[in-house]
């Protein structure tokens, strides 16, 4: 997970930015983040001070692909073309919609 300040509009966010300065360009493994950090980041995001981005590694997406293949490719006609088409569609969906 990583955070960054939103674009400032007419100095309105200046005071709030000072309050959340510690979370500017903050990055942390989601398994290691503390409860108070989640609350502060969430509050800053609700106040439109920060943006939050979750970064998933390649192993996560490989697990998603394996689960999708197991769920939707086990039944029906098995063919090379079907597998390739499903793989391309899944890659496109992940790249366009999830990243």
PDB file of N, CA and C in Angstrom:
ATOM      1  N   UNK A   1       0.840  -1.158   0.000  1.00  0.00           N
ATOM      2  CA  UNK A   1       0.000   0.000   0.000  1.00  0.00           C
ATOM      3  C   UNK A   1       0.888   1.225   0.000  1.00  0.00           C
ATOM      4  N   UNK A   2       0.504   2.220  -0.769  1.00  0.00           N
ATOM      5  CA  UNK A   2       1.251   3.470  -0.793  1.00  0.00           C
ATOM      6  C   UNK A   2       0.274   4.639  -0.856  1.00  0.00           C
ATOM      7  N   UNK A   3       0.715   5.796  -0.379  1.00  0.00           N
ATOM      8  CA  UNK A   3      -0.134   6.983  -0.373  1.00  0.00           C
ATOM      9  C   UNK A   3       0.607   8.149  -1.017  1.00  0.00           C
ATOM     10  N   UNK A   4      -0.155   9.144  -1.438  1.00  0.00           N
ATOM     11  CA  UNK A   4       0.432  10.385  -1.945  1.00  0.00           C
ATOM     12  C   UNK A   4      -0.587  11.504  -1.767  1.00  0.00           C
ATOM     13  N   UNK A   5      -0.112  12.742  -1.681  1.00  0.00           N
ATOM     14  CA  UNK A   5      -1.000  13.883  -1.536  1.00  0.00           C
ATOM     15  C   UNK A   5      -1.749  14.127  -2.842  1.00  0.00           C
ATOM     16  N   UNK A   6      -2.983  14.553  -2.712  1.00  0.00           N
ATOM     17  CA  UNK A   6      -3.760  14.971  -3.877  1.00  0.00           C
ATOM     18  C   UNK A   6      -3.309  16.368  -4.286  1.00  0.00           C
ATOM     19  N   UNK A   7      -3.699  16.767  -5.491  1.00  0.00           N
ATOM     20  CA  UNK A   7      -3.372  18.111  -5.965  1.00  0.00           C
ATOM     21  C   UNK A   7      -4.103  19.143  -5.102  1.00  0.00           C
ATOM     22  N   UNK A   8      -3.385  20.211  -4.753  1.00  0.00           N
ATOM     23  CA  UNK A   8      -3.959  21.250  -3.896  1.00  0.00           C
ATOM     24  C   UNK A   8      -4.782  22.228  -4.725  1.00  0.00           C
ATOM     25  N   UNK A   9      -5.920  22.637  -4.162  1.00  0.00           N
ATOM     26  CA  UNK A   9      -6.784  23.590  -4.844  1.00  0.00           C
ATOM     27  C   UNK A   9      -6.917  24.840  -3.984  1.00  0.00           C
ATOM     28  N   UNK A  10      -6.336  25.932  -4.412  1.00  0.00           N
ATOM     29  CA  UNK A  10      -6.473  27.243  -3.774  1.00  0.00           C
ATOM     30  C   UNK A  10      -6.063  27.253  -2.304  1.00  0.00           C
ATOM     31  N   UNK A  11      -5.097  26.464  -1.905  1.00  0.00           N
ATOM     32  CA  UNK A  11      -4.591  26.481  -0.541  1.00  0.00           C
ATOM     33  C   UNK A  11      -5.527  25.913   0.508  1.00  0.00           C
ATOM     34  N   UNK A  12      -6.640  25.343   0.091  1.00  0.00           N
ATOM     35  CA  UNK A  12      -7.621  24.836   1.045  1.00  0.00           C
ATOM     36  C   UNK A  12      -7.055  23.666   1.849  1.00  0.00           C
ATOM     37  N   UNK A  13      -6.256  22.850   1.228  1.00  0.00           N
ATOM     38  CA  UNK A  13      -5.758  21.645   1.891  1.00  0.00           C
ATOM     39  C   UNK A  13      -4.468  21.858   2.670  1.00  0.00           C
ATOM     40  N   UNK A  14      -3.942  23.063   2.691  1.00  0.00           N
ATOM     41  CA  UNK A  14      -2.635  23.315   3.289  1.00  0.00           C
ATOM     42  C   UNK A  14      -2.579  22.901   4.763  1.00  0.00           C
ATOM     43  N   UNK A  15      -3.566  23.304   5.560  1.00  0.00           N
ATOM     44  CA  UNK A  15      -3.575  22.942   6.982  1.00  0.00           C
ATOM     45  C   UNK A  15      -3.723  21.435   7.165  1.00  0.00           C
ATOM     46  N   UNK A  16      -4.580  20.840   6.370  1.00  0.00           N
ATOM     47  CA  UNK A  16      -4.773  19.392   6.471  1.00  0.00           C
ATOM     48  C   UNK A  16      -3.524  18.635   6.044  1.00  0.00           C
ATOM     49  N   UNK A  17      -2.828  19.160   5.061  1.00  0.00           N
ATOM     50  CA  UNK A  17      -1.590  18.508   4.621  1.00  0.00           C
ATOM     51  C   UNK A  17      -0.563  18.468   5.744  1.00  0.00           C
ATOM     52  N   UNK A  18      -0.475  19.534   6.505  1.00  0.00           N
ATOM     53  CA  UNK A  18       0.459  19.556   7.632  1.00  0.00           C
ATOM     54  C   UNK A  18       0.101  18.470   8.639  1.00  0.00           C
ATOM     55  N   UNK A  19      -1.194  18.283   8.846  1.00  0.00           N
ATOM     56  CA  UNK A  19      -1.673  17.289   9.801  1.00  0.00           C
ATOM     57  C   UNK A  19      -1.286  15.872   9.382  1.00  0.00           C
ATOM     58  N   UNK A  20      -1.296  15.601   8.077  1.00  0.00           N
ATOM     59  CA  UNK A  20      -1.033  14.257   7.571  1.00  0.00           C
ATOM     60  C   UNK A  20       0.334  14.138   6.886  1.00  0.00           C
ATOM     61  N   UNK A  21       1.236  15.053   7.200  1.00  0.00           N
ATOM     62  CA  UNK A  21       2.560  15.078   6.565  1.00  0.00           C
ATOM     63  C   UNK A  21       3.295  13.745   6.713  1.00  0.00           C
ATOM     64  N   UNK A  22       3.113  13.077   7.839  1.00  0.00           N
ATOM     65  CA  UNK A  22       3.809  11.812   8.090  1.00  0.00           C
ATOM     66  C   UNK A  22       3.379  10.726   7.079  1.00  0.00           C
ATOM     67  N   UNK A  23       2.196  10.879   6.495  1.00  0.00           N
ATOM     68  CA  UNK A  23       1.689   9.881   5.550  1.00  0.00           C
ATOM     69  C   UNK A  23       1.910  10.271   4.087  1.00  0.00           C
ATOM     70  N   UNK A  24       2.651  11.356   3.863  1.00  0.00           N
ATOM     71  CA  UNK A  24       3.004  11.726   2.491  1.00  0.00           C
ATOM     72  C   UNK A  24       4.000  10.681   1.972  1.00  0.00           C
ATOM     73  N   UNK A  25       3.732  10.110   0.833  1.00  0.00           N
ATOM     74  CA  UNK A  25       4.581   9.079   0.222  1.00  0.00           C
ATOM     75  C   UNK A  25       4.831   7.908   1.178  1.00  0.00           C
ATOM     76  N   UNK A  26       3.835   7.579   1.965  1.00  0.00           N
ATOM     77  CA  UNK A  26       3.897   6.473   2.912  1.00  0.00           C
ATOM     78  C   UNK A  26       3.750   5.156   2.161  1.00  0.00           C
ATOM     79  N   UNK A  27       4.539   4.181   2.526  1.00  0.00           N
ATOM     80  CA  UNK A  27       4.467   2.866   1.911  1.00  0.00           C
ATOM     81  C   UNK A  27       4.674   1.815   2.995  1.00  0.00           C
ATOM     82  N   UNK A  28       3.852   0.781   2.961  1.00  0.00           N
ATOM     83  CA  UNK A  28       3.919  -0.233   4.007  1.00  0.00           C
ATOM     84  C   UNK A  28       3.321  -1.532   3.485  1.00  0.00           C
ATOM     85  N   UNK A  29       3.891  -2.636   3.933  1.00  0.00           N
ATOM     86  CA  UNK A  29       3.299  -3.940   3.651  1.00  0.00           C
ATOM     87  C   UNK A  29       1.959  -3.994   4.379  1.00  0.00           C
ATOM     88  N   UNK A  30       0.914  -4.357   3.681  1.00  0.00           N
ATOM     89  CA  UNK A  30      -0.432  -4.319   4.239  1.00  0.00           C
ATOM     90  C   UNK A  30      -0.562  -5.214   5.472  1.00  0.00           C
ATOM     91  N   UNK A  31       0.270  -6.240   5.574  1.00  0.00           N
ATOM     92  CA  UNK A  31       0.233  -7.134   6.742  1.00  0.00           C
ATOM     93  C   UNK A  31       0.875  -6.503   7.967  1.00  0.00           C
ATOM     94  N   UNK A  32       1.624  -5.426   7.784  1.00  0.00           N
ATOM     95  CA  UNK A  32       2.364  -4.816   8.885  1.00  0.00           C
ATOM     96  C   UNK A  32       1.799  -3.458   9.340  1.00  0.00           C
ATOM     97  N   UNK A  33       0.788  -2.953   8.656  1.00  0.00           N
ATOM     98  CA  UNK A  33       0.263  -1.633   8.995  1.00  0.00           C
ATOM     99  C   UNK A  33      -0.490  -1.690  10.325  1.00  0.00           C
ATOM    100  N   UNK A  34      -0.345  -0.636  11.117  1.00  0.00           N
ATOM    101  CA  UNK A  34      -0.967  -0.570  12.435  1.00  0.00           C
ATOM    102  C   UNK A  34      -2.391  -0.004  12.328  1.00  0.00           C
ATOM    103  N   UNK A  35      -3.222  -0.317  13.310  1.00  0.00           N
ATOM    104  CA  UNK A  35      -4.615   0.135  13.311  1.00  0.00           C
ATOM    105  C   UNK A  35      -4.727   1.656  13.239  1.00  0.00           C
ATOM    106  N   UNK A  36      -3.920   2.358  14.017  1.00  0.00           N
ATOM    107  CA  UNK A  36      -3.999   3.824  14.032  1.00  0.00           C
ATOM    108  C   UNK A  36      -3.592   4.408  12.676  1.00  0.00           C
ATOM    109  N   UNK A  37      -2.686   3.720  11.962  1.00  0.00           N
ATOM    110  CA  UNK A  37      -2.289   4.195  10.640  1.00  0.00           C
ATOM    111  C   UNK A  37      -3.432   4.033   9.647  1.00  0.00           C
ATOM    112  N   UNK A  38      -4.139   2.927   9.729  1.00  0.00           N
ATOM    113  CA  UNK A  38      -5.302   2.704   8.861  1.00  0.00           C
ATOM    114  C   UNK A  38      -6.342   3.788   9.098  1.00  0.00           C
ATOM    115  N   UNK A  39      -6.609   4.094  10.360  1.00  0.00           N
ATOM    116  CA  UNK A  39      -7.606   5.119  10.688  1.00  0.00           C
ATOM    117  C   UNK A  39      -7.187   6.500  10.174  1.00  0.00           C
ATOM    118  N   UNK A  40      -5.928   6.861  10.380  1.00  0.00           N
ATOM    119  CA  UNK A  40      -5.449   8.174   9.938  1.00  0.00           C
ATOM    120  C   UNK A  40      -5.468   8.279   8.406  1.00  0.00           C
ATOM    121  N   UNK A  41      -5.022   7.242   7.727  1.00  0.00           N
ATOM    122  CA  UNK A  41      -5.005   7.257   6.259  1.00  0.00           C
ATOM    123  C   UNK A  41      -6.429   7.304   5.719  1.00  0.00           C
ATOM    124  N   UNK A  42      -7.314   6.544   6.323  1.00  0.00           N
ATOM    125  CA  UNK A  42      -8.711   6.559   5.902  1.00  0.00           C
ATOM    126  C   UNK A  42      -9.338   7.932   6.095  1.00  0.00           C
ATOM    127  N   UNK A  43      -9.050   8.554   7.230  1.00  0.00           N
ATOM    128  CA  UNK A  43      -9.571   9.896   7.501  1.00  0.00           C
ATOM    129  C   UNK A  43      -9.029  10.904   6.483  1.00  0.00           C
ATOM    130  N   UNK A  44      -7.739  10.826   6.186  1.00  0.00           N
ATOM    131  CA  UNK A  44      -7.135  11.734   5.210  1.00  0.00           C
ATOM    132  C   UNK A  44      -7.707  11.504   3.817  1.00  0.00           C
ATOM    133  N   UNK A  45      -7.973  10.255   3.487  1.00  0.00           N
ATOM    134  CA  UNK A  45      -8.567   9.961   2.179  1.00  0.00           C
ATOM    135  C   UNK A  45      -9.991  10.506   2.100  1.00  0.00           C
ATOM    136  N   UNK A  46     -10.757  10.362   3.171  1.00  0.00           N
ATOM    137  CA  UNK A  46     -12.122  10.900   3.204  1.00  0.00           C
ATOM    138  C   UNK A  46     -12.141  12.419   3.110  1.00  0.00           C
ATOM    139  N   UNK A  47     -11.101  13.066   3.637  1.00  0.00           N
ATOM    140  CA  UNK A  47     -11.005  14.526   3.577  1.00  0.00           C
ATOM    141  C   UNK A  47     -10.362  15.001   2.274  1.00  0.00           C
ATOM    142  N   UNK A  48     -10.117  14.069   1.366  1.00  0.00           N
ATOM    143  CA  UNK A  48      -9.569  14.368   0.037  1.00  0.00           C
ATOM    144  C   UNK A  48      -8.157  14.948   0.098  1.00  0.00           C
ATOM    145  N   UNK A  49      -7.385  14.542   1.109  1.00  0.00           N
ATOM    146  CA  UNK A  49      -6.011  14.999   1.255  1.00  0.00           C
ATOM    147  C   UNK A  49      -5.057  13.997   0.607  1.00  0.00           C
ATOM    148  N   UNK A  50      -5.313  12.710   0.807  1.00  0.00           N
ATOM    149  CA  UNK A  50      -4.445  11.645   0.305  1.00  0.00           C
ATOM    150  C   UNK A  50      -5.161  10.781  -0.714  1.00  0.00           C
ATOM    151  N   UNK A  51      -4.359  10.160  -1.545  1.00  0.00           N
ATOM    152  CA  UNK A  51      -4.858   9.067  -2.376  1.00  0.00           C
ATOM    153  C   UNK A  51      -4.130   7.805  -1.927  1.00  0.00           C
ATOM    154  N   UNK A  52      -4.823   6.689  -1.980  1.00  0.00           N
ATOM    155  CA  UNK A  52      -4.269   5.416  -1.535  1.00  0.00           C
ATOM    156  C   UNK A  52      -4.240   4.461  -2.709  1.00  0.00           C
ATOM    157  N   UNK A  53      -3.141   3.755  -2.813  1.00  0.00           N
ATOM    158  CA  UNK A  53      -2.980   2.788  -3.892  1.00  0.00           C
ATOM    159  C   UNK A  53      -2.487   1.479  -3.284  1.00  0.00           C
ATOM    160  N   UNK A  54      -3.107   0.385  -3.677  1.00  0.00           N
ATOM    161  CA  UNK A  54      -2.670  -0.933  -3.229  1.00  0.00           C
ATOM    162  C   UNK A  54      -1.868  -1.572  -4.354  1.00  0.00           C
ATOM    163  N   UNK A  55      -0.664  -1.986  -4.032  1.00  0.00           N
ATOM    164  CA  UNK A  55       0.226  -2.613  -5.002  1.00  0.00           C
ATOM    165  C   UNK A  55       0.278  -4.114  -4.723  1.00  0.00           C
ATOM    166  N   UNK A  56      -0.188  -4.902  -5.684  1.00  0.00           N
ATOM    167  CA  UNK A  56      -0.158  -6.347  -5.540  1.00  0.00           C
ATOM    168  C   UNK A  56       0.975  -6.897  -6.389  1.00  0.00           C
ATOM    169  N   UNK A  57       1.719  -7.806  -5.849  1.00  0.00           N
ATOM    170  CA  UNK A  57       2.846  -8.402  -6.560  1.00  0.00           C
ATOM    171  C   UNK A  57       2.387  -9.407  -7.594  1.00  0.00           C
ATOM    172  N   UNK A  58       3.309  -9.843  -8.448  1.00  0.00           N
ATOM    173  CA  UNK A  58       2.977 -10.810  -9.503  1.00  0.00           C
ATOM    174  C   UNK A  58       2.444 -12.130  -8.955  1.00  0.00           C
ATOM    175  N   UNK A  59       2.885 -12.545  -7.795  1.00  0.00           N
ATOM    176  CA  UNK A  59       2.409 -13.828  -7.255  1.00  0.00           C
ATOM    177  C   UNK A  59       0.914 -13.763  -6.941  1.00  0.00           C
ATOM    178  N   UNK A  60       0.428 -12.601  -6.505  1.00  0.00           N
ATOM    179  CA  UNK A  60      -1.002 -12.446  -6.244  1.00  0.00           C
ATOM    180  C   UNK A  60      -1.804 -12.637  -7.528  1.00  0.00           C
ATOM    181  N   UNK A  61      -1.364 -11.980  -8.606  1.00  0.00           N
ATOM    182  CA  UNK A  61      -2.094 -12.092  -9.873  1.00  0.00           C
ATOM    183  C   UNK A  61      -2.000 -13.500 -10.444  1.00  0.00           C
ATOM    184  N   UNK A  62      -0.895 -14.190 -10.222  1.00  0.00           N
ATOM    185  CA  UNK A  62      -0.781 -15.578 -10.663  1.00  0.00           C
ATOM    186  C   UNK A  62      -1.763 -16.470  -9.917  1.00  0.00           C
ATOM    187  N   UNK A  63      -1.964 -16.201  -8.635  1.00  0.00           N
ATOM    188  CA  UNK A  63      -2.947 -16.963  -7.865  1.00  0.00           C
ATOM    189  C   UNK A  63      -4.361 -16.695  -8.362  1.00  0.00           C
ATOM    190  N   UNK A  64      -4.654 -15.436  -8.689  1.00  0.00           N
ATOM    191  CA  UNK A  64      -5.974 -15.083  -9.228  1.00  0.00           C
ATOM    192  C   UNK A  64      -6.207 -15.813 -10.552  1.00  0.00           C
ATOM    193  N   UNK A  65      -5.193 -15.833 -11.412  1.00  0.00           N
ATOM    194  CA  UNK A  65      -5.318 -16.521 -12.699  1.00  0.00           C
ATOM    195  C   UNK A  65      -5.541 -18.013 -12.503  1.00  0.00           C
ATOM    196  N   UNK A  66      -4.822 -18.609 -11.567  1.00  0.00           N
ATOM    197  CA  UNK A  66      -4.980 -20.042 -11.298  1.00  0.00           C
ATOM    198  C   UNK A  66      -6.386 -20.349 -10.790  1.00  0.00           C
ATOM    199  N   UNK A  67      -6.896 -19.501  -9.892  1.00  0.00           N
ATOM    200  CA  UNK A  67      -8.254 -19.694  -9.388  1.00  0.00           C
ATOM    201  C   UNK A  67      -9.296 -19.538 -10.496  1.00  0.00           C
ATOM    202  N   UNK A  68      -9.112 -18.539 -11.350  1.00  0.00           N
ATOM    203  CA  UNK A  68     -10.049 -18.330 -12.465  1.00  0.00           C
ATOM    204  C   UNK A  68     -10.009 -19.508 -13.427  1.00  0.00           C
ATOM    205  N   UNK A  69      -8.827 -19.994 -13.747  1.00  0.00           N
ATOM    206  CA  UNK A  69      -8.712 -21.161 -14.633  1.00  0.00           C
ATOM    207  C   UNK A  69      -9.370 -22.380 -14.014  1.00  0.00           C
ATOM    208  N   UNK A  70      -9.153 -22.577 -12.740  1.00  0.00           N
ATOM    209  CA  UNK A  70      -9.749 -23.731 -12.050  1.00  0.00           C
ATOM    210  C   UNK A  70     -11.266 -23.629 -12.054  1.00  0.00           C
ATOM    211  N   UNK A  71     -11.783 -22.417 -11.853  1.00  0.00           N
ATOM    212  CA  UNK A  71     -13.236 -22.216 -11.756  1.00  0.00           C
ATOM    213  C   UNK A  71     -13.935 -22.305 -13.108  1.00  0.00           C
ATOM    214  N   UNK A  72     -13.371 -21.675 -14.147  1.00  0.00           N
ATOM    215  CA  UNK A  72     -14.098 -21.537 -15.397  1.00  0.00           C
ATOM    216  C   UNK A  72     -13.550 -22.353 -16.553  1.00  0.00           C
ATOM    217  N   UNK A  73     -12.427 -22.994 -16.375  1.00  0.00           N
ATOM    218  CA  UNK A  73     -11.857 -23.750 -17.493  1.00  0.00           C
ATOM    219  C   UNK A  73     -11.895 -25.261 -17.280  1.00  0.00           C
ATOM    220  N   UNK A  74     -12.385 -25.746 -16.143  1.00  0.00           N
ATOM    221  CA  UNK A  74     -12.363 -27.181 -15.899  1.00  0.00           C
ATOM    222  C   UNK A  74     -13.462 -27.917 -16.653  1.00  0.00           C
ATOM    223  N   UNK A  75     -14.589 -27.261 -16.901  1.00  0.00           N
ATOM    224  CA  UNK A  75     -15.702 -27.892 -17.615  1.00  0.00           C
ATOM    225  C   UNK A  75     -15.759 -27.409 -19.058  1.00  0.00           C
ATOM    226  N   UNK A  76     -16.443 -28.143 -19.881  1.00  0.00           N
ATOM    227  CA  UNK A  76     -16.622 -27.742 -21.260  1.00  0.00           C
ATOM    228  C   UNK A  76     -15.566 -28.342 -22.173  1.00  0.00           C
ATOM    229  N   UNK A  77     -15.601 -27.914 -23.396  1.00  0.00           N
ATOM    230  CA  UNK A  77     -14.677 -28.422 -24.412  1.00  0.00           C
ATOM    231  C   UNK A  77     -13.278 -27.867 -24.135  1.00  0.00           C
ATOM    232  N   UNK A  78     -12.319 -28.745 -24.038  1.00  0.00           N
ATOM    233  CA  UNK A  78     -10.937 -28.335 -23.799  1.00  0.00           C
ATOM    234  C   UNK A  78     -10.234 -28.183 -25.142  1.00  0.00           C
ATOM    235  N   UNK A  79      -9.762 -27.001 -25.417  1.00  0.00           N
ATOM    236  CA  UNK A  79      -9.015 -26.766 -26.645  1.00  0.00           C
ATOM    237  C   UNK A  79      -7.955 -25.700 -26.391  1.00  0.00           C
ATOM    238  N   UNK A  80      -6.941 -25.728 -27.231  1.00  0.00           N
ATOM    239  CA  UNK A  80      -5.854 -24.758 -27.112  1.00  0.00           C
ATOM    240  C   UNK A  80      -6.376 -23.341 -27.345  1.00  0.00           C
ATOM    241  N   UNK A  81      -7.262 -23.180 -28.328  1.00  0.00           N
ATOM    242  CA  UNK A  81      -7.800 -21.864 -28.651  1.00  0.00           C
ATOM    243  C   UNK A  81      -8.608 -21.281 -27.488  1.00  0.00           C
ATOM    244  N   UNK A  82      -9.416 -22.127 -26.853  1.00  0.00           N
ATOM    245  CA  UNK A  82     -10.224 -21.678 -25.718  1.00  0.00           C
ATOM    246  C   UNK A  82      -9.316 -21.228 -24.570  1.00  0.00           C
ATOM    247  N   UNK A  83      -8.295 -22.008 -24.286  1.00  0.00           N
ATOM    248  CA  UNK A  83      -7.366 -21.657 -23.215  1.00  0.00           C
ATOM    249  C   UNK A  83      -6.637 -20.352 -23.512  1.00  0.00           C
ATOM    250  N   UNK A  84      -6.184 -20.184 -24.761  1.00  0.00           N
ATOM    251  CA  UNK A  84      -5.489 -18.953 -25.142  1.00  0.00           C
ATOM    252  C   UNK A  84      -6.412 -17.744 -25.049  1.00  0.00           C
ATOM    253  N   UNK A  85      -7.638 -17.885 -25.546  1.00  0.00           N
ATOM    254  CA  UNK A  85      -8.597 -16.785 -25.520  1.00  0.00           C
ATOM    255  C   UNK A  85      -8.942 -16.406 -24.079  1.00  0.00           C
ATOM    256  N   UNK A  86      -9.165 -17.407 -23.241  1.00  0.00           N
ATOM    257  CA  UNK A  86      -9.468 -17.131 -21.838  1.00  0.00           C
ATOM    258  C   UNK A  86      -8.289 -16.441 -21.162  1.00  0.00           C
ATOM    259  N   UNK A  87      -7.088 -16.905 -21.429  1.00  0.00           N
ATOM    260  CA  UNK A  87      -5.888 -16.292 -20.846  1.00  0.00           C
ATOM    261  C   UNK A  87      -5.715 -14.848 -21.273  1.00  0.00           C
ATOM    262  N   UNK A  88      -5.937 -14.576 -22.569  1.00  0.00           N
ATOM    263  CA  UNK A  88      -5.832 -13.198 -23.065  1.00  0.00           C
ATOM    264  C   UNK A  88      -6.897 -12.299 -22.444  1.00  0.00           C
ATOM    265  N   UNK A  89      -8.128 -12.814 -22.338  1.00  0.00           N
ATOM    266  CA  UNK A  89      -9.212 -12.026 -21.747  1.00  0.00           C
ATOM    267  C   UNK A  89      -8.937 -11.745 -20.275  1.00  0.00           C
ATOM    268  N   UNK A  90      -8.428 -12.737 -19.564  1.00  0.00           N
ATOM    269  CA  UNK A  90      -8.117 -12.563 -18.151  1.00  0.00           C
ATOM    270  C   UNK A  90      -6.981 -11.564 -17.957  1.00  0.00           C
ATOM    271  N   UNK A  91      -5.935 -11.653 -18.764  1.00  0.00           N
ATOM    272  CA  UNK A  91      -4.828 -10.697 -18.687  1.00  0.00           C
ATOM    273  C   UNK A  91      -5.308  -9.276 -18.972  1.00  0.00           C
ATOM    274  N   UNK A  92      -6.161  -9.133 -19.987  1.00  0.00           N
ATOM    275  CA  UNK A  92      -6.695  -7.817 -20.334  1.00  0.00           C
ATOM    276  C   UNK A  92      -7.530  -7.246 -19.191  1.00  0.00           C
ATOM    277  N   UNK A  93      -8.372  -8.074 -18.604  1.00  0.00           N
ATOM    278  CA  UNK A  93      -9.215  -7.618 -17.501  1.00  0.00           C
ATOM    279  C   UNK A  93      -8.366  -7.178 -16.313  1.00  0.00           C
ATOM    280  N   UNK A  94      -7.355  -7.948 -15.985  1.00  0.00           N
ATOM    281  CA  UNK A  94      -6.494  -7.594 -14.854  1.00  0.00           C
ATOM    282  C   UNK A  94      -5.744  -6.295 -15.134  1.00  0.00           C
ATOM    283  N   UNK A  95      -5.173  -6.164 -16.317  1.00  0.00           N
ATOM    284  CA  UNK A  95      -4.377  -4.979 -16.643  1.00  0.00           C
ATOM    285  C   UNK A  95      -5.217  -3.713 -16.775  1.00  0.00           C
ATOM    286  N   UNK A  96      -6.400  -3.820 -17.360  1.00  0.00           N
ATOM    287  CA  UNK A  96      -7.233  -2.634 -17.572  1.00  0.00           C
ATOM    288  C   UNK A  96      -8.046  -2.246 -16.361  1.00  0.00           C
ATOM    289  N   UNK A  97      -8.563  -3.239 -15.642  1.00  0.00           N
ATOM    290  CA  UNK A  97      -9.532  -2.944 -14.606  1.00  0.00           C
ATOM    291  C   UNK A  97      -8.987  -3.037 -13.179  1.00  0.00           C
ATOM    292  N   UNK A  98      -7.944  -3.785 -12.983  1.00  0.00           N
ATOM    293  CA  UNK A  98      -7.489  -4.035 -11.613  1.00  0.00           C
ATOM    294  C   UNK A  98      -6.174  -3.366 -11.245  1.00  0.00           C
ATOM    295  N   UNK A  99      -5.394  -2.967 -12.193  1.00  0.00           N
ATOM    296  CA  UNK A  99      -4.096  -2.385 -11.870  1.00  0.00           C
ATOM    297  C   UNK A  99      -4.129  -0.884 -11.974  1.00  0.00           C
TER     298      UNK A  99
END
